[in-house]
């Protein structure tokens, strides 16, 4: 509960940029029980890593990175979207 209050406080201060706000909103949608990422986020992350092996190998954003499933989405939000990468679809 205190984490939610903290996040709302940060959100309202204006310290976060628009992309960070959208990332937080996306993450909130994909949280399951106990704040763990749900299956939909991890499935989309797996598709992203499969499509972009360079991201899958990254120490932070990658498959075994410290950010977990959220790492793939964070990469897409921070870098991939501007590079023309596609989120959550399987590429041929």
PDB file of N, CA and C in Angstrom:
ATOM      1  N   UNK A   1       0.819  -1.191   0.000  1.00  0.00           N
ATOM      2  CA  UNK A   1       0.000   0.000   0.000  1.00  0.00           C
ATOM      3  C   UNK A   1       0.866   1.259   0.000  1.00  0.00           C
ATOM      4  N   UNK A   2       1.924   1.224   0.797  1.00  0.00           N
ATOM      5  CA  UNK A   2       2.783   2.409   0.855  1.00  0.00           C
ATOM      6  C   UNK A   2       3.483   2.651  -0.485  1.00  0.00           C
ATOM      7  N   UNK A   3       3.757   1.572  -1.227  1.00  0.00           N
ATOM      8  CA  UNK A   3       4.358   1.730  -2.551  1.00  0.00           C
ATOM      9  C   UNK A   3       3.397   2.457  -3.492  1.00  0.00           C
ATOM     10  N   UNK A   4       2.131   2.157  -3.404  1.00  0.00           N
ATOM     11  CA  UNK A   4       1.131   2.821  -4.236  1.00  0.00           C
ATOM     12  C   UNK A   4       1.067   4.303  -3.899  1.00  0.00           C
ATOM     13  N   UNK A   5       1.059   4.616  -2.621  1.00  0.00           N
ATOM     14  CA  UNK A   5       1.020   6.013  -2.184  1.00  0.00           C
ATOM     15  C   UNK A   5       2.272   6.751  -2.665  1.00  0.00           C
ATOM     16  N   UNK A   6       3.428   6.097  -2.554  1.00  0.00           N
ATOM     17  CA  UNK A   6       4.677   6.684  -3.020  1.00  0.00           C
ATOM     18  C   UNK A   6       4.606   6.979  -4.519  1.00  0.00           C
ATOM     19  N   UNK A   7       4.134   5.998  -5.305  1.00  0.00           N
ATOM     20  CA  UNK A   7       4.056   6.173  -6.760  1.00  0.00           C
ATOM     21  C   UNK A   7       3.100   7.292  -7.141  1.00  0.00           C
ATOM     22  N   UNK A   8       1.976   7.370  -6.450  1.00  0.00           N
ATOM     23  CA  UNK A   8       1.025   8.450  -6.720  1.00  0.00           C
ATOM     24  C   UNK A   8       1.667   9.795  -6.410  1.00  0.00           C
ATOM     25  N   UNK A   9       2.413   9.867  -5.324  1.00  0.00           N
ATOM     26  CA  UNK A   9       3.091  11.110  -4.960  1.00  0.00           C
ATOM     27  C   UNK A   9       4.103  11.536  -6.007  1.00  0.00           C
ATOM     28  N   UNK A  10       4.909  10.590  -6.481  1.00  0.00           N
ATOM     29  CA  UNK A  10       5.885  10.884  -7.538  1.00  0.00           C
ATOM     30  C   UNK A  10       5.162  11.336  -8.795  1.00  0.00           C
ATOM     31  N   UNK A  11       4.095  10.646  -9.118  1.00  0.00           N
ATOM     32  CA  UNK A  11       3.314  10.960 -10.328  1.00  0.00           C
ATOM     33  C   UNK A  11       2.823  12.405 -10.282  1.00  0.00           C
ATOM     34  N   UNK A  12       2.321  12.815  -9.139  1.00  0.00           N
ATOM     35  CA  UNK A  12       1.713  14.135  -9.010  1.00  0.00           C
ATOM     36  C   UNK A  12       2.747  15.259  -8.917  1.00  0.00           C
ATOM     37  N   UNK A  13       3.985  14.944  -8.582  1.00  0.00           N
ATOM     38  CA  UNK A  13       4.990  15.995  -8.455  1.00  0.00           C
ATOM     39  C   UNK A  13       5.463  16.526  -9.791  1.00  0.00           C
ATOM     40  N   UNK A  14       5.235  15.762 -10.856  1.00  0.00           N
ATOM     41  CA  UNK A  14       5.695  16.185 -12.164  1.00  0.00           C
ATOM     42  C   UNK A  14       7.144  15.839 -12.422  1.00  0.00           C
ATOM     43  N   UNK A  15       7.744  15.024 -11.550  1.00  0.00           N
ATOM     44  CA  UNK A  15       9.143  14.641 -11.723  1.00  0.00           C
ATOM     45  C   UNK A  15       9.336  13.650 -12.863  1.00  0.00           C
ATOM     46  N   UNK A  16       8.286  12.975 -13.215  1.00  0.00           N
ATOM     47  CA  UNK A  16       8.399  11.971 -14.261  1.00  0.00           C
ATOM     48  C   UNK A  16       8.043  12.556 -15.614  1.00  0.00           C
ATOM     49  N   UNK A  17       8.784  12.143 -16.614  1.00  0.00           N
ATOM     50  CA  UNK A  17       8.472  12.591 -17.975  1.00  0.00           C
ATOM     51  C   UNK A  17       7.253  11.832 -18.477  1.00  0.00           C
ATOM     52  N   UNK A  18       6.734  12.238 -19.603  1.00  0.00           N
ATOM     53  CA  UNK A  18       5.568  11.580 -20.186  1.00  0.00           C
ATOM     54  C   UNK A  18       5.810  10.113 -20.467  1.00  0.00           C
ATOM     55  N   UNK A  19       6.995   9.754 -20.985  1.00  0.00           N
ATOM     56  CA  UNK A  19       7.260   8.341 -21.284  1.00  0.00           C
ATOM     57  C   UNK A  19       7.369   7.528 -20.002  1.00  0.00           C
ATOM     58  N   UNK A  20       7.917   8.117 -18.949  1.00  0.00           N
ATOM     59  CA  UNK A  20       7.986   7.398 -17.680  1.00  0.00           C
ATOM     60  C   UNK A  20       6.590   7.202 -17.115  1.00  0.00           C
ATOM     61  N   UNK A  21       5.737   8.197 -17.253  1.00  0.00           N
ATOM     62  CA  UNK A  21       4.363   8.051 -16.776  1.00  0.00           C
ATOM     63  C   UNK A  21       3.646   6.958 -17.537  1.00  0.00           C
ATOM     64  N   UNK A  22       3.802   6.914 -18.859  1.00  0.00           N
ATOM     65  CA  UNK A  22       3.110   5.889 -19.635  1.00  0.00           C
ATOM     66  C   UNK A  22       3.657   4.511 -19.296  1.00  0.00           C
ATOM     67  N   UNK A  23       4.960   4.432 -19.011  1.00  0.00           N
ATOM     68  CA  UNK A  23       5.555   3.162 -18.615  1.00  0.00           C
ATOM     69  C   UNK A  23       4.977   2.687 -17.286  1.00  0.00           C
ATOM     70  N   UNK A  24       4.826   3.612 -16.335  1.00  0.00           N
ATOM     71  CA  UNK A  24       4.257   3.244 -15.045  1.00  0.00           C
ATOM     72  C   UNK A  24       2.807   2.812 -15.201  1.00  0.00           C
ATOM     73  N   UNK A  25       2.053   3.485 -16.049  1.00  0.00           N
ATOM     74  CA  UNK A  25       0.658   3.113 -16.259  1.00  0.00           C
ATOM     75  C   UNK A  25       0.582   1.731 -16.898  1.00  0.00           C
ATOM     76  N   UNK A  26       1.437   1.470 -17.874  1.00  0.00           N
ATOM     77  CA  UNK A  26       1.473   0.169 -18.527  1.00  0.00           C
ATOM     78  C   UNK A  26       1.809  -0.906 -17.511  1.00  0.00           C
ATOM     79  N   UNK A  27       2.824  -0.656 -16.688  1.00  0.00           N
ATOM     80  CA  UNK A  27       3.247  -1.622 -15.694  1.00  0.00           C
ATOM     81  C   UNK A  27       2.126  -1.907 -14.705  1.00  0.00           C
ATOM     82  N   UNK A  28       1.411  -0.894 -14.293  1.00  0.00           N
ATOM     83  CA  UNK A  28       0.311  -1.081 -13.352  1.00  0.00           C
ATOM     84  C   UNK A  28      -0.761  -1.994 -13.939  1.00  0.00           C
ATOM     85  N   UNK A  29      -0.997  -1.897 -15.249  1.00  0.00           N
ATOM     86  CA  UNK A  29      -1.977  -2.758 -15.899  1.00  0.00           C
ATOM     87  C   UNK A  29      -1.554  -4.213 -15.876  1.00  0.00           C
ATOM     88  N   UNK A  30      -0.257  -4.474 -15.894  1.00  0.00           N
ATOM     89  CA  UNK A  30       0.257  -5.823 -16.028  1.00  0.00           C
ATOM     90  C   UNK A  30       0.815  -6.391 -14.737  1.00  0.00           C
ATOM     91  N   UNK A  31       0.385  -5.884 -13.603  1.00  0.00           N
ATOM     92  CA  UNK A  31       0.816  -6.436 -12.337  1.00  0.00           C
ATOM     93  C   UNK A  31      -0.206  -7.460 -11.875  1.00  0.00           C
ATOM     94  N   UNK A  32       0.280  -8.598 -11.469  1.00  0.00           N
ATOM     95  CA  UNK A  32      -0.583  -9.634 -10.938  1.00  0.00           C
ATOM     96  C   UNK A  32      -0.586  -9.570  -9.421  1.00  0.00           C
ATOM     97  N   UNK A  33      -0.822 -10.715  -8.819  1.00  0.00           N
ATOM     98  CA  UNK A  33      -0.827 -10.789  -7.364  1.00  0.00           C
ATOM     99  C   UNK A  33       0.553 -10.444  -6.816  1.00  0.00           C
ATOM    100  N   UNK A  34       0.580  -9.793  -5.699  1.00  0.00           N
ATOM    101  CA  UNK A  34       1.796  -9.419  -4.983  1.00  0.00           C
ATOM    102  C   UNK A  34       2.728  -8.550  -5.825  1.00  0.00           C
ATOM    103  N   UNK A  35       2.203  -7.845  -6.820  1.00  0.00           N
ATOM    104  CA  UNK A  35       3.003  -6.931  -7.605  1.00  0.00           C
ATOM    105  C   UNK A  35       3.929  -7.578  -8.617  1.00  0.00           C
ATOM    106  N   UNK A  36       3.810  -8.873  -8.819  1.00  0.00           N
ATOM    107  CA  UNK A  36       4.655  -9.549  -9.793  1.00  0.00           C
ATOM    108  C   UNK A  36       4.083  -9.363 -11.189  1.00  0.00           C
ATOM    109  N   UNK A  37       4.937  -9.327 -12.209  1.00  0.00           N
ATOM    110  CA  UNK A  37       4.424  -9.161 -13.577  1.00  0.00           C
ATOM    111  C   UNK A  37       3.512 -10.327 -13.942  1.00  0.00           C
ATOM    112  N   UNK A  38       2.439 -10.030 -14.646  1.00  0.00           N
ATOM    113  CA  UNK A  38       1.542 -11.114 -15.005  1.00  0.00           C
ATOM    114  C   UNK A  38       1.971 -11.774 -16.304  1.00  0.00           C
ATOM    115  N   UNK A  39       1.253 -12.776 -16.683  1.00  0.00           N
ATOM    116  CA  UNK A  39       1.605 -13.597 -17.839  1.00  0.00           C
ATOM    117  C   UNK A  39       1.602 -12.799 -19.145  1.00  0.00           C
ATOM    118  N   UNK A  40       0.669 -11.878 -19.311  1.00  0.00           N
ATOM    119  CA  UNK A  40       0.580 -11.113 -20.558  1.00  0.00           C
ATOM    120  C   UNK A  40       1.845 -10.282 -20.793  1.00  0.00           C
ATOM    121  N   UNK A  41       2.358  -9.656 -19.756  1.00  0.00           N
ATOM    122  CA  UNK A  41       3.580  -8.867 -19.890  1.00  0.00           C
ATOM    123  C   UNK A  41       4.750  -9.769 -20.263  1.00  0.00           C
ATOM    124  N   UNK A  42       4.880 -10.882 -19.584  1.00  0.00           N
ATOM    125  CA  UNK A  42       6.001 -11.788 -19.854  1.00  0.00           C
ATOM    126  C   UNK A  42       5.890 -12.421 -21.235  1.00  0.00           C
ATOM    127  N   UNK A  43       4.675 -12.716 -21.695  1.00  0.00           N
ATOM    128  CA  UNK A  43       4.489 -13.249 -23.050  1.00  0.00           C
ATOM    129  C   UNK A  43       4.908 -12.221 -24.095  1.00  0.00           C
ATOM    130  N   UNK A  44       4.511 -10.973 -23.898  1.00  0.00           N
ATOM    131  CA  UNK A  44       4.892  -9.907 -24.829  1.00  0.00           C
ATOM    132  C   UNK A  44       6.399  -9.674 -24.791  1.00  0.00           C
ATOM    133  N   UNK A  45       6.986  -9.738 -23.607  1.00  0.00           N
ATOM    134  CA  UNK A  45       8.428  -9.574 -23.465  1.00  0.00           C
ATOM    135  C   UNK A  45       9.168 -10.681 -24.219  1.00  0.00           C
ATOM    136  N   UNK A  46       8.666 -11.904 -24.095  1.00  0.00           N
ATOM    137  CA  UNK A  46       9.309 -13.027 -24.786  1.00  0.00           C
ATOM    138  C   UNK A  46       9.260 -12.830 -26.301  1.00  0.00           C
ATOM    139  N   UNK A  47       8.145 -12.349 -26.813  1.00  0.00           N
ATOM    140  CA  UNK A  47       8.034 -12.069 -28.252  1.00  0.00           C
ATOM    141  C   UNK A  47       9.027 -10.989 -28.667  1.00  0.00           C
ATOM    142  N   UNK A  48       9.174  -9.973 -27.846  1.00  0.00           N
ATOM    143  CA  UNK A  48      10.109  -8.876 -28.142  1.00  0.00           C
ATOM    144  C   UNK A  48      11.543  -9.402 -28.162  1.00  0.00           C
ATOM    145  N   UNK A  49      11.902 -10.204 -27.155  1.00  0.00           N
ATOM    146  CA  UNK A  49      13.251 -10.770 -27.110  1.00  0.00           C
ATOM    147  C   UNK A  49      13.510 -11.701 -28.289  1.00  0.00           C
ATOM    148  N   UNK A  50      12.497 -12.474 -28.676  1.00  0.00           N
ATOM    149  CA  UNK A  50      12.656 -13.372 -29.826  1.00  0.00           C
ATOM    150  C   UNK A  50      12.885 -12.577 -31.107  1.00  0.00           C
ATOM    151  N   UNK A  51      12.186 -11.471 -31.246  1.00  0.00           N
ATOM    152  CA  UNK A  51      12.301 -10.640 -32.449  1.00  0.00           C
ATOM    153  C   UNK A  51      13.611  -9.855 -32.473  1.00  0.00           C
ATOM    154  N   UNK A  52      14.134  -9.515 -31.296  1.00  0.00           N
ATOM    155  CA  UNK A  52      15.324  -8.670 -31.205  1.00  0.00           C
ATOM    156  C   UNK A  52      16.365  -9.314 -30.282  1.00  0.00           C
ATOM    157  N   UNK A  53      17.150 -10.259 -30.821  1.00  0.00           N
ATOM    158  CA  UNK A  53      18.128 -10.980 -29.994  1.00  0.00           C
ATOM    159  C   UNK A  53      19.167 -10.079 -29.320  1.00  0.00           C
ATOM    160  N   UNK A  54      19.447  -8.928 -29.926  1.00  0.00           N
ATOM    161  CA  UNK A  54      20.398  -8.008 -29.293  1.00  0.00           C
ATOM    162  C   UNK A  54      19.861  -7.506 -27.961  1.00  0.00           C
ATOM    163  N   UNK A  55      18.557  -7.272 -27.885  1.00  0.00           N
ATOM    164  CA  UNK A  55      17.947  -6.837 -26.621  1.00  0.00           C
ATOM    165  C   UNK A  55      17.930  -8.005 -25.637  1.00  0.00           C
ATOM    166  N   UNK A  56      17.644  -9.203 -26.130  1.00  0.00           N
ATOM    167  CA  UNK A  56      17.589 -10.386 -25.263  1.00  0.00           C
ATOM    168  C   UNK A  56      18.921 -10.634 -24.553  1.00  0.00           C
ATOM    169  N   UNK A  57      20.029 -10.225 -25.168  1.00  0.00           N
ATOM    170  CA  UNK A  57      21.360 -10.434 -24.590  1.00  0.00           C
ATOM    171  C   UNK A  57      21.782  -9.342 -23.610  1.00  0.00           C
ATOM    172  N   UNK A  58      21.025  -8.251 -23.560  1.00  0.00           N
ATOM    173  CA  UNK A  58      21.408  -7.109 -22.727  1.00  0.00           C
ATOM    174  C   UNK A  58      21.350  -7.471 -21.236  1.00  0.00           C
ATOM    175  N   UNK A  59      22.319  -6.962 -20.473  1.00  0.00           N
ATOM    176  CA  UNK A  59      22.409  -7.266 -19.043  1.00  0.00           C
ATOM    177  C   UNK A  59      21.274  -6.667 -18.218  1.00  0.00           C
ATOM    178  N   UNK A  60      20.646  -5.604 -18.696  1.00  0.00           N
ATOM    179  CA  UNK A  60      19.541  -4.987 -17.960  1.00  0.00           C
ATOM    180  C   UNK A  60      18.195  -5.318 -18.595  1.00  0.00           C
ATOM    181  N   UNK A  61      18.071  -5.058 -19.900  1.00  0.00           N
ATOM    182  CA  UNK A  61      16.796  -5.211 -20.593  1.00  0.00           C
ATOM    183  C   UNK A  61      16.530  -6.646 -21.067  1.00  0.00           C
ATOM    184  N   UNK A  62      17.528  -7.498 -21.053  1.00  0.00           N
ATOM    185  CA  UNK A  62      17.463  -8.806 -21.679  1.00  0.00           C
ATOM    186  C   UNK A  62      16.720  -9.884 -20.923  1.00  0.00           C
ATOM    187  N   UNK A  63      16.702 -11.047 -21.568  1.00  0.00           N
ATOM    188  CA  UNK A  63      15.996 -12.225 -21.058  1.00  0.00           C
ATOM    189  C   UNK A  63      16.417 -12.582 -19.641  1.00  0.00           C
ATOM    190  N   UNK A  64      17.700 -12.505 -19.360  1.00  0.00           N
ATOM    191  CA  UNK A  64      18.202 -12.806 -18.014  1.00  0.00           C
ATOM    192  C   UNK A  64      18.667 -11.533 -17.305  1.00  0.00           C
ATOM    193  N   UNK A  65      18.165 -10.397 -17.764  1.00  0.00           N
ATOM    194  CA  UNK A  65      18.547  -9.106 -17.200  1.00  0.00           C
ATOM    195  C   UNK A  65      17.923  -8.846 -15.844  1.00  0.00           C
ATOM    196  N   UNK A  66      18.437  -7.848 -15.185  1.00  0.00           N
ATOM    197  CA  UNK A  66      17.975  -7.532 -13.834  1.00  0.00           C
ATOM    198  C   UNK A  66      16.556  -6.989 -13.801  1.00  0.00           C
ATOM    199  N   UNK A  67      16.051  -6.472 -14.922  1.00  0.00           N
ATOM    200  CA  UNK A  67      14.699  -5.899 -14.942  1.00  0.00           C
ATOM    201  C   UNK A  67      13.619  -6.943 -15.204  1.00  0.00           C
ATOM    202  N   UNK A  68      13.988  -8.159 -15.532  1.00  0.00           N
ATOM    203  CA  UNK A  68      13.006  -9.203 -15.782  1.00  0.00           C
ATOM    204  C   UNK A  68      12.121  -8.882 -16.979  1.00  0.00           C
ATOM    205  N   UNK A  69      10.869  -9.321 -16.917  1.00  0.00           N
ATOM    206  CA  UNK A  69       9.929  -9.098 -18.022  1.00  0.00           C
ATOM    207  C   UNK A  69       9.735  -7.612 -18.306  1.00  0.00           C
ATOM    208  N   UNK A  70       9.785  -6.799 -17.283  1.00  0.00           N
ATOM    209  CA  UNK A  70       9.620  -5.361 -17.442  1.00  0.00           C
ATOM    210  C   UNK A  70      10.749  -4.760 -18.280  1.00  0.00           C
ATOM    211  N   UNK A  71      11.910  -5.410 -18.282  1.00  0.00           N
ATOM    212  CA  UNK A  71      13.058  -4.908 -19.016  1.00  0.00           C
ATOM    213  C   UNK A  71      12.803  -4.769 -20.505  1.00  0.00           C
ATOM    214  N   UNK A  72      12.122  -5.745 -21.084  1.00  0.00           N
ATOM    215  CA  UNK A  72      11.825  -5.681 -22.515  1.00  0.00           C
ATOM    216  C   UNK A  72      10.940  -4.477 -22.818  1.00  0.00           C
ATOM    217  N   UNK A  73       9.930  -4.268 -21.988  1.00  0.00           N
ATOM    218  CA  UNK A  73       9.050  -3.121 -22.211  1.00  0.00           C
ATOM    219  C   UNK A  73       9.790  -1.814 -21.982  1.00  0.00           C
ATOM    220  N   UNK A  74      10.636  -1.760 -20.978  1.00  0.00           N
ATOM    221  CA  UNK A  74      11.418  -0.548 -20.718  1.00  0.00           C
ATOM    222  C   UNK A  74      12.332  -0.236 -21.901  1.00  0.00           C
ATOM    223  N   UNK A  75      12.934  -1.276 -22.473  1.00  0.00           N
ATOM    224  CA  UNK A  75      13.789  -1.050 -23.645  1.00  0.00           C
ATOM    225  C   UNK A  75      12.974  -0.456 -24.785  1.00  0.00           C
ATOM    226  N   UNK A  76      11.813  -1.051 -25.032  1.00  0.00           N
ATOM    227  CA  UNK A  76      10.971  -0.561 -26.126  1.00  0.00           C
ATOM    228  C   UNK A  76      10.553   0.882 -25.874  1.00  0.00           C
ATOM    229  N   UNK A  77      10.192   1.208 -24.635  1.00  0.00           N
ATOM    230  CA  UNK A  77       9.763   2.566 -24.292  1.00  0.00           C
ATOM    231  C   UNK A  77      10.907   3.573 -24.445  1.00  0.00           C
ATOM    232  N   UNK A  78      12.082   3.218 -23.957  1.00  0.00           N
ATOM    233  CA  UNK A  78      13.217   4.143 -23.957  1.00  0.00           C
ATOM    234  C   UNK A  78      13.938   4.224 -25.303  1.00  0.00           C
ATOM    235  N   UNK A  79      14.016   3.091 -26.003  1.00  0.00           N
ATOM    236  CA  UNK A  79      14.850   3.046 -27.213  1.00  0.00           C
ATOM    237  C   UNK A  79      14.134   2.457 -28.430  1.00  0.00           C
ATOM    238  N   UNK A  80      13.511   1.312 -28.228  1.00  0.00           N
ATOM    239  CA  UNK A  80      12.978   0.530 -29.344  1.00  0.00           C
ATOM    240  C   UNK A  80      11.934   1.230 -30.185  1.00  0.00           C
ATOM    241  N   UNK A  81      11.031   1.928 -29.556  1.00  0.00           N
ATOM    242  CA  UNK A  81       9.976   2.635 -30.304  1.00  0.00           C
ATOM    243  C   UNK A  81      10.595   3.643 -31.269  1.00  0.00           C
ATOM    244  N   UNK A  82      11.587   4.406 -30.804  1.00  0.00           N
ATOM    245  CA  UNK A  82      12.241   5.391 -31.653  1.00  0.00           C
ATOM    246  C   UNK A  82      13.065   4.723 -32.760  1.00  0.00           C
ATOM    247  N   UNK A  83      13.494   3.488 -32.528  1.00  0.00           N
ATOM    248  CA  UNK A  83      14.272   2.741 -33.519  1.00  0.00           C
ATOM    249  C   UNK A  83      13.372   2.010 -34.512  1.00  0.00           C
ATOM    250  N   UNK A  84      12.055   2.103 -34.323  1.00  0.00           N
ATOM    251  CA  UNK A  84      11.126   1.429 -35.215  1.00  0.00           C
ATOM    252  C   UNK A  84      10.840  -0.019 -34.847  1.00  0.00           C
ATOM    253  N   UNK A  85      11.227  -0.423 -33.637  1.00  0.00           N
ATOM    254  CA  UNK A  85      10.955  -1.791 -33.189  1.00  0.00           C
ATOM    255  C   UNK A  85       9.492  -1.902 -32.788  1.00  0.00           C
ATOM    256  N   UNK A  86       8.967  -3.114 -32.841  1.00  0.00           N
ATOM    257  CA  UNK A  86       7.552  -3.366 -32.577  1.00  0.00           C
ATOM    258  C   UNK A  86       7.410  -4.108 -31.253  1.00  0.00           C
ATOM    259  N   UNK A  87       6.463  -3.680 -30.436  1.00  0.00           N
ATOM    260  CA  UNK A  87       6.221  -4.298 -29.134  1.00  0.00           C
ATOM    261  C   UNK A  87       5.141  -5.372 -29.222  1.00  0.00           C
ATOM    262  N   UNK A  88       5.403  -6.522 -28.657  1.00  0.00           N
ATOM    263  CA  UNK A  88       4.386  -7.539 -28.404  1.00  0.00           C
ATOM    264  C   UNK A  88       3.843  -8.293 -29.597  1.00  0.00           C
ATOM    265  N   UNK A  89       4.556  -8.316 -30.694  1.00  0.00           N
ATOM    266  CA  UNK A  89       4.109  -9.123 -31.832  1.00  0.00           C
ATOM    267  C   UNK A  89       5.253 -10.011 -32.287  1.00  0.00           C
ATOM    268  N   UNK A  90       4.907 -11.130 -32.878  1.00  0.00           N
ATOM    269  CA  UNK A  90       5.906 -12.018 -33.415  1.00  0.00           C
ATOM    270  C   UNK A  90       6.236 -11.588 -34.831  1.00  0.00           C
ATOM    271  N   UNK A  91       7.498 -11.327 -35.074  1.00  0.00           N
ATOM    272  CA  UNK A  91       7.937 -10.916 -36.405  1.00  0.00           C
ATOM    273  C   UNK A  91       8.368 -12.136 -37.203  1.00  0.00           C
ATOM    274  N   UNK A  92       8.166 -12.106 -38.528  1.00  0.00           N
ATOM    275  CA  UNK A  92       8.548 -13.265 -39.354  1.00  0.00           C
ATOM    276  C   UNK A  92      10.048 -13.465 -39.387  1.00  0.00           C
TER     277      UNK A  92
END
